[in-house]
Amino acid sequence: MVFKKKDKFAILLTSIAQNLKEAADAFADYKLNNVSDLKVFADNMKDFEHKGDDMVHEVIKELNNAFITPIEREDILALTMSMDDVLDGLEHTAALFEMYSIMNADEYMLKFVDAIKECTYEIVKSVELLSSKSKLPSIRQHAIKIKDLESVCDGIQRQSIKNLFAVEKDPIRIIQYKEIYEDLEEIADSCQTVANTLETIIMKNA
């Protein structure tokens, strides 16, 4: 048994994935012109996170009420929570930008964000394929792409921290940038957790 097109869980999971993609787009595309924009940026990401939390609560409510679920309850919950972790990471990183008054993302941050944004696109494509049993195996290629992008982020993190200690002389700036790099890498790790969850679902249901 897999999701039917109009299944409430399929609709909710697709909505969560779509909200995540929109948040990643907003994160990547936001233009900071002055320090006051940082609060607007952080608040904007907080709005996406609140919207995501509402959807998570809806999934949990539906799981509690459902007699039969299209796939195992724990897999629906794991997929929901792993996508929510990515969104939480984006919101937390935006809050760091505001807290440390960082106006200009450096080349490493931009590379991280591009890779994370691409991961969210792959997540949306994967979740949309859950509604057809014949399409479940196709999810694997998207899961592999997410894992490849996470590996790219591993490399970016190593380069970013190496460069930071080589060129930055301000110890406070080093602490701030290092924390943001590590936060962005954690978001990529959360994307990989989504990919692992999707592969578990394929293995059990394809």
C-alpha atoms as a PDB file:
ATOM      1  CA  MET A   1       0.000   0.000   0.000  1.00  0.00           C
ATOM      2  CA  VAL A   2       1.359   3.462  -0.905  1.00  0.00           C
ATOM      3  CA  PHE A   3      -0.062   6.961  -0.936  1.00  0.00           C
ATOM      4  CA  LYS A   4      -2.983   7.696  -3.186  1.00  0.00           C
ATOM      5  CA  LYS A   5      -2.843  11.043  -5.000  1.00  0.00           C
ATOM      6  CA  LYS A   6      -5.373  12.667  -2.685  1.00  0.00           C
ATOM      7  CA  ASP A   7      -4.268  10.873   0.484  1.00  0.00           C
ATOM      8  CA  LYS A   8      -4.117  13.347   3.376  1.00  0.00           C
ATOM      9  CA  PHE A   9      -0.580  12.253   4.285  1.00  0.00           C
ATOM     10  CA  ALA A  10       0.601  12.640   0.685  1.00  0.00           C
ATOM     11  CA  ILE A  11      -0.889  16.151   0.611  1.00  0.00           C
ATOM     12  CA  LEU A  12       0.659  17.104   3.958  1.00  0.00           C
ATOM     13  CA  LEU A  13       4.118  15.723   3.122  1.00  0.00           C
ATOM     14  CA  THR A  14       4.083  17.488  -0.245  1.00  0.00           C
ATOM     15  CA  SER A  15       3.090  20.733   1.492  1.00  0.00           C
ATOM     16  CA  ILE A  16       5.943  20.359   4.004  1.00  0.00           C
ATOM     17  CA  ALA A  17       8.438  19.704   1.190  1.00  0.00           C
ATOM     18  CA  GLN A  18       7.103  22.643  -0.832  1.00  0.00           C
ATOM     19  CA  ASN A  19       7.318  24.995   2.158  1.00  0.00           C
ATOM     20  CA  LEU A  20      10.905  23.831   2.713  1.00  0.00           C
ATOM     21  CA  LYS A  21      11.813  24.532  -0.918  1.00  0.00           C
ATOM     22  CA  GLU A  22      10.227  27.983  -0.748  1.00  0.00           C
ATOM     23  CA  ALA A  23      12.161  28.711   2.463  1.00  0.00           C
ATOM     24  CA  ALA A  24      15.446  27.654   0.841  1.00  0.00           C
ATOM     25  CA  ASP A  25      14.661  29.853  -2.180  1.00  0.00           C
ATOM     26  CA  ALA A  26      13.888  32.798   0.100  1.00  0.00           C
ATOM     27  CA  PHE A  27      17.079  32.179   2.080  1.00  0.00           C
ATOM     28  CA  ALA A  28      19.211  32.047  -1.075  1.00  0.00           C
ATOM     29  CA  ASP A  29      17.602  35.005  -2.842  1.00  0.00           C
ATOM     30  CA  TYR A  30      17.212  37.494   0.016  1.00  0.00           C
ATOM     31  CA  LYS A  31      19.082  40.745  -0.643  1.00  0.00           C
ATOM     32  CA  LEU A  32      20.543  42.530   2.371  1.00  0.00           C
ATOM     33  CA  ASN A  33      21.022  46.260   1.791  1.00  0.00           C
ATOM     34  CA  ASN A  34      21.379  47.446   5.381  1.00  0.00           C
ATOM     35  CA  VAL A  35      21.535  46.058   8.920  1.00  0.00           C
ATOM     36  CA  SER A  36      17.770  46.475   9.480  1.00  0.00           C
ATOM     37  CA  ASP A  37      17.219  44.009   6.614  1.00  0.00           C
ATOM     38  CA  LEU A  38      18.773  41.282   8.775  1.00  0.00           C
ATOM     39  CA  LYS A  39      15.794  41.325  11.148  1.00  0.00           C
ATOM     40  CA  VAL A  40      13.362  41.166   8.212  1.00  0.00           C
ATOM     41  CA  PHE A  41      15.379  38.237   6.808  1.00  0.00           C
ATOM     42  CA  ALA A  42      15.370  36.370  10.157  1.00  0.00           C
ATOM     43  CA  ASP A  43      11.650  37.071  10.688  1.00  0.00           C
ATOM     44  CA  ASN A  44      10.855  35.857   7.171  1.00  0.00           C
ATOM     45  CA  MET A  45      12.612  32.554   7.857  1.00  0.00           C
ATOM     46  CA  LYS A  46      10.829  32.328  11.212  1.00  0.00           C
ATOM     47  CA  ASP A  47       7.492  32.590   9.344  1.00  0.00           C
ATOM     48  CA  PHE A  48       8.426  29.615   7.144  1.00  0.00           C
ATOM     49  CA  GLU A  49       9.440  27.685  10.251  1.00  0.00           C
ATOM     50  CA  HIS A  50       6.122  28.444  12.014  1.00  0.00           C
ATOM     51  CA  LYS A  51       4.214  27.330   8.926  1.00  0.00           C
ATOM     52  CA  GLY A  52       6.263  24.108   8.878  1.00  0.00           C
ATOM     53  CA  ASP A  53       5.590  23.484  12.577  1.00  0.00           C
ATOM     54  CA  ASP A  54       1.840  23.804  11.975  1.00  0.00           C
ATOM     55  CA  MET A  55       2.074  21.151   9.248  1.00  0.00           C
ATOM     56  CA  VAL A  56       4.123  18.838  11.497  1.00  0.00           C
ATOM     57  CA  HIS A  57       1.432  19.111  14.193  1.00  0.00           C
ATOM     58  CA  GLU A  58      -1.192  18.315  11.563  1.00  0.00           C
ATOM     59  CA  VAL A  59       0.705  15.156  10.509  1.00  0.00           C
ATOM     60  CA  ILE A  60       0.977  14.003  14.137  1.00  0.00           C
ATOM     61  CA  LYS A  61      -2.746  14.653  14.686  1.00  0.00           C
ATOM     62  CA  GLU A  62      -3.655  12.693  11.543  1.00  0.00           C
ATOM     63  CA  LEU A  63      -1.346   9.812  12.544  1.00  0.00           C
ATOM     64  CA  ASN A  64      -3.050   9.626  15.933  1.00  0.00           C
ATOM     65  CA  ASN A  65      -6.486   9.527  14.283  1.00  0.00           C
ATOM     66  CA  ALA A  66      -5.718   7.183  11.383  1.00  0.00           C
ATOM     67  CA  PHE A  67      -6.704   3.523  11.690  1.00  0.00           C
ATOM     68  CA  ILE A  68      -4.621   2.504   8.667  1.00  0.00           C
ATOM     69  CA  THR A  69      -1.768   4.493   7.111  1.00  0.00           C
ATOM     70  CA  PRO A  70      -0.495   4.112   3.507  1.00  0.00           C
ATOM     71  CA  ILE A  71       3.040   3.401   4.722  1.00  0.00           C
ATOM     72  CA  GLU A  72       4.292   2.671   8.240  1.00  0.00           C
ATOM     73  CA  ARG A  73       3.515   5.387  10.775  1.00  0.00           C
ATOM     74  CA  GLU A  74       7.116   5.691  11.900  1.00  0.00           C
ATOM     75  CA  ASP A  75       8.247   6.284   8.299  1.00  0.00           C
ATOM     76  CA  ILE A  76       5.700   9.069   7.784  1.00  0.00           C
ATOM     77  CA  LEU A  77       6.814  10.627  11.072  1.00  0.00           C
ATOM     78  CA  ALA A  78      10.538  10.191  10.288  1.00  0.00           C
ATOM     79  CA  LEU A  79      10.133  11.846   6.890  1.00  0.00           C
ATOM     80  CA  THR A  80       8.107  14.688   8.423  1.00  0.00           C
ATOM     81  CA  MET A  81      10.615  15.332  11.211  1.00  0.00           C
ATOM     82  CA  SER A  82      13.697  15.074   8.978  1.00  0.00           C
ATOM     83  CA  MET A  83      12.271  17.677   6.572  1.00  0.00           C
ATOM     84  CA  ASP A  84      11.394  19.862   9.559  1.00  0.00           C
ATOM     85  CA  ASP A  85      14.998  19.633  10.798  1.00  0.00           C
ATOM     86  CA  VAL A  86      16.217  21.129   7.487  1.00  0.00           C
ATOM     87  CA  LEU A  87      13.767  24.020   7.886  1.00  0.00           C
ATOM     88  CA  ASP A  88      14.764  24.555  11.532  1.00  0.00           C
ATOM     89  CA  GLY A  89      18.397  24.739  10.404  1.00  0.00           C
ATOM     90  CA  LEU A  90      17.646  27.447   7.838  1.00  0.00           C
ATOM     91  CA  GLU A  91      15.736  29.480  10.437  1.00  0.00           C
ATOM     92  CA  HIS A  92      18.552  29.095  12.987  1.00  0.00           C
ATOM     93  CA  THR A  93      21.228  30.159  10.492  1.00  0.00           C
ATOM     94  CA  ALA A  94      19.202  33.246   9.494  1.00  0.00           C
ATOM     95  CA  ALA A  95      18.994  34.126  13.202  1.00  0.00           C
ATOM     96  CA  LEU A  96      22.812  33.865  13.438  1.00  0.00           C
ATOM     97  CA  PHE A  97      23.237  36.285  10.535  1.00  0.00           C
ATOM     98  CA  GLU A  98      21.069  38.759  12.426  1.00  0.00           C
ATOM     99  CA  MET A  99      22.699  38.135  15.806  1.00  0.00           C
ATOM    100  CA  TYR A 100      26.215  38.669  14.421  1.00  0.00           C
ATOM    101  CA  SER A 101      25.182  41.484  12.024  1.00  0.00           C
ATOM    102  CA  ILE A 102      26.689  39.685   9.027  1.00  0.00           C
ATOM    103  CA  MET A 103      25.622  41.570   5.937  1.00  0.00           C
ATOM    104  CA  ASN A 104      27.685  39.858   3.257  1.00  0.00           C
ATOM    105  CA  ALA A 105      27.717  36.104   2.785  1.00  0.00           C
ATOM    106  CA  ASP A 106      31.136  34.952   1.587  1.00  0.00           C
ATOM    107  CA  GLU A 107      31.781  32.585  -1.323  1.00  0.00           C
ATOM    108  CA  TYR A 108      31.674  29.509   0.952  1.00  0.00           C
ATOM    109  CA  MET A 109      28.305  30.437   2.450  1.00  0.00           C
ATOM    110  CA  LEU A 110      26.931  31.007  -1.048  1.00  0.00           C
ATOM    111  CA  LYS A 111      28.178  27.572  -2.181  1.00  0.00           C
ATOM    112  CA  PHE A 112      26.610  25.937   0.892  1.00  0.00           C
ATOM    113  CA  VAL A 113      23.280  27.656   0.272  1.00  0.00           C
ATOM    114  CA  ASP A 114      23.257  26.712  -3.422  1.00  0.00           C
ATOM    115  CA  ALA A 115      23.821  23.043  -2.547  1.00  0.00           C
ATOM    116  CA  ILE A 116      21.156  23.110   0.192  1.00  0.00           C
ATOM    117  CA  LYS A 117      18.675  24.785  -2.158  1.00  0.00           C
ATOM    118  CA  GLU A 118      19.331  22.047  -4.726  1.00  0.00           C
ATOM    119  CA  CYS A 119      18.749  19.407  -2.021  1.00  0.00           C
ATOM    120  CA  THR A 120      15.313  20.869  -1.275  1.00  0.00           C
ATOM    121  CA  TYR A 121      14.409  20.657  -4.981  1.00  0.00           C
ATOM    122  CA  GLU A 122      15.347  16.949  -4.930  1.00  0.00           C
ATOM    123  CA  ILE A 123      13.297  16.466  -1.745  1.00  0.00           C
ATOM    124  CA  VAL A 124      10.184  17.945  -3.415  1.00  0.00           C
ATOM    125  CA  LYS A 125      10.626  15.701  -6.470  1.00  0.00           C
ATOM    126  CA  SER A 126      11.025  12.651  -4.203  1.00  0.00           C
ATOM    127  CA  VAL A 127       7.990  13.355  -2.035  1.00  0.00           C
ATOM    128  CA  GLU A 128       5.814  13.918  -5.115  1.00  0.00           C
ATOM    129  CA  LEU A 129       6.797  10.424  -6.358  1.00  0.00           C
ATOM    130  CA  LEU A 130       5.505   8.771  -3.167  1.00  0.00           C
ATOM    131  CA  SER A 131       1.960   8.743  -4.519  1.00  0.00           C
ATOM    132  CA  SER A 132       2.687   6.014  -7.084  1.00  0.00           C
ATOM    133  CA  LYS A 133       4.076   2.585  -6.251  1.00  0.00           C
ATOM    134  CA  SER A 134       5.513   2.227  -9.762  1.00  0.00           C
ATOM    135  CA  LYS A 135       7.455   5.474  -9.284  1.00  0.00           C
ATOM    136  CA  LEU A 136       8.936   4.597  -5.880  1.00  0.00           C
ATOM    137  CA  PRO A 137      12.198   3.209  -7.349  1.00  0.00           C
ATOM    138  CA  SER A 138      12.698   6.538  -9.169  1.00  0.00           C
ATOM    139  CA  ILE A 139      13.069   8.232  -5.781  1.00  0.00           C
ATOM    140  CA  ARG A 140      16.466   6.565  -5.382  1.00  0.00           C
ATOM    141  CA  GLN A 141      18.141   8.782  -7.986  1.00  0.00           C
ATOM    142  CA  HIS A 142      16.973  11.878  -6.088  1.00  0.00           C
ATOM    143  CA  ALA A 143      18.176  10.423  -2.768  1.00  0.00           C
ATOM    144  CA  ILE A 144      21.592   9.742  -4.331  1.00  0.00           C
ATOM    145  CA  LYS A 145      21.741  13.330  -5.640  1.00  0.00           C
ATOM    146  CA  ILE A 146      21.021  14.652  -2.131  1.00  0.00           C
ATOM    147  CA  LYS A 147      23.839  12.506  -0.716  1.00  0.00           C
ATOM    148  CA  ASP A 148      26.208  13.750  -3.421  1.00  0.00           C
ATOM    149  CA  LEU A 149      25.320  17.338  -2.534  1.00  0.00           C
ATOM    150  CA  GLU A 150      25.935  16.611   1.152  1.00  0.00           C
ATOM    151  CA  SER A 151      29.417  15.333   0.207  1.00  0.00           C
ATOM    152  CA  VAL A 152      30.002  18.593  -1.678  1.00  0.00           C
ATOM    153  CA  CYS A 153      29.065  20.460   1.518  1.00  0.00           C
ATOM    154  CA  ASP A 154      31.605  18.391   3.498  1.00  0.00           C
ATOM    155  CA  GLY A 155      34.280  19.651   1.119  1.00  0.00           C
ATOM    156  CA  ILE A 156      33.033  23.243   1.333  1.00  0.00           C
ATOM    157  CA  GLN A 157      33.168  23.088   5.122  1.00  0.00           C
ATOM    158  CA  ARG A 158      36.794  21.886   5.109  1.00  0.00           C
ATOM    159  CA  GLN A 159      37.814  24.600   2.622  1.00  0.00           C
ATOM    160  CA  SER A 160      35.881  27.333   4.443  1.00  0.00           C
ATOM    161  CA  ILE A 161      37.418  26.644   7.846  1.00  0.00           C
ATOM    162  CA  LYS A 162      40.920  26.256   6.405  1.00  0.00           C
ATOM    163  CA  ASN A 163      40.541  29.606   4.612  1.00  0.00           C
ATOM    164  CA  LEU A 164      39.011  31.269   7.685  1.00  0.00           C
ATOM    165  CA  PHE A 165      42.012  30.475   9.892  1.00  0.00           C
ATOM    166  CA  ALA A 166      44.416  31.459   7.109  1.00  0.00           C
ATOM    167  CA  VAL A 167      43.008  34.918   6.318  1.00  0.00           C
ATOM    168  CA  GLU A 168      40.851  36.163   9.230  1.00  0.00           C
ATOM    169  CA  LYS A 169      42.716  37.931  12.029  1.00  0.00           C
ATOM    170  CA  ASP A 170      39.743  38.912  14.208  1.00  0.00           C
ATOM    171  CA  PRO A 171      39.145  36.053  16.713  1.00  0.00           C
ATOM    172  CA  ILE A 172      35.484  37.060  17.223  1.00  0.00           C
ATOM    173  CA  ARG A 173      34.875  36.969  13.477  1.00  0.00           C
ATOM    174  CA  ILE A 174      36.501  33.521  13.334  1.00  0.00           C
ATOM    175  CA  ILE A 175      34.086  32.217  15.993  1.00  0.00           C
ATOM    176  CA  GLN A 176      31.059  33.745  14.227  1.00  0.00           C
ATOM    177  CA  TYR A 177      31.911  32.517  10.714  1.00  0.00           C
ATOM    178  CA  LYS A 178      32.924  29.071  11.941  1.00  0.00           C
ATOM    179  CA  GLU A 179      29.560  28.695  13.672  1.00  0.00           C
ATOM    180  CA  ILE A 180      27.694  29.649  10.494  1.00  0.00           C
ATOM    181  CA  TYR A 181      29.748  27.228   8.372  1.00  0.00           C
ATOM    182  CA  GLU A 182      29.040  24.439  10.863  1.00  0.00           C
ATOM    183  CA  ASP A 183      25.333  25.317  10.924  1.00  0.00           C
ATOM    184  CA  LEU A 184      25.145  25.146   7.124  1.00  0.00           C
ATOM    185  CA  GLU A 185      26.920  21.782   7.137  1.00  0.00           C
ATOM    186  CA  GLU A 186      24.389  20.524   9.698  1.00  0.00           C
ATOM    187  CA  ILE A 187      21.551  21.549   7.369  1.00  0.00           C
ATOM    188  CA  ALA A 188      23.203  19.481   4.612  1.00  0.00           C
ATOM    189  CA  ASP A 189      23.434  16.556   7.073  1.00  0.00           C
ATOM    190  CA  SER A 190      19.708  16.927   7.769  1.00  0.00           C
ATOM    191  CA  CYS A 191      19.062  16.773   3.999  1.00  0.00           C
ATOM    192  CA  GLN A 192      21.004  13.504   3.937  1.00  0.00           C
ATOM    193  CA  THR A 193      18.794  12.184   6.750  1.00  0.00           C
ATOM    194  CA  VAL A 194      15.766  12.945   4.542  1.00  0.00           C
ATOM    195  CA  ALA A 195      17.439  10.963   1.740  1.00  0.00           C
ATOM    196  CA  ASN A 196      18.100   8.014   4.082  1.00  0.00           C
ATOM    197  CA  THR A 197      14.470   8.067   5.235  1.00  0.00           C
ATOM    198  CA  LEU A 198      13.254   8.071   1.634  1.00  0.00           C
ATOM    199  CA  GLU A 199      15.480   5.069   0.864  1.00  0.00           C
ATOM    200  CA  THR A 200      14.025   3.219   3.841  1.00  0.00           C
ATOM    201  CA  ILE A 201      10.516   3.882   2.511  1.00  0.00           C
ATOM    202  CA  ILE A 202      11.496   2.596  -0.956  1.00  0.00           C
ATOM    203  CA  MET A 203      13.058  -0.533   0.532  1.00  0.00           C
ATOM    204  CA  LYS A 204       9.920  -1.355   2.541  1.00  0.00           C
ATOM    205  CA  ASN A 205       7.290  -0.509  -0.098  1.00  0.00           C
ATOM    206  CA  ALA A 206       8.676  -0.805  -3.667  1.00  0.00           C
END
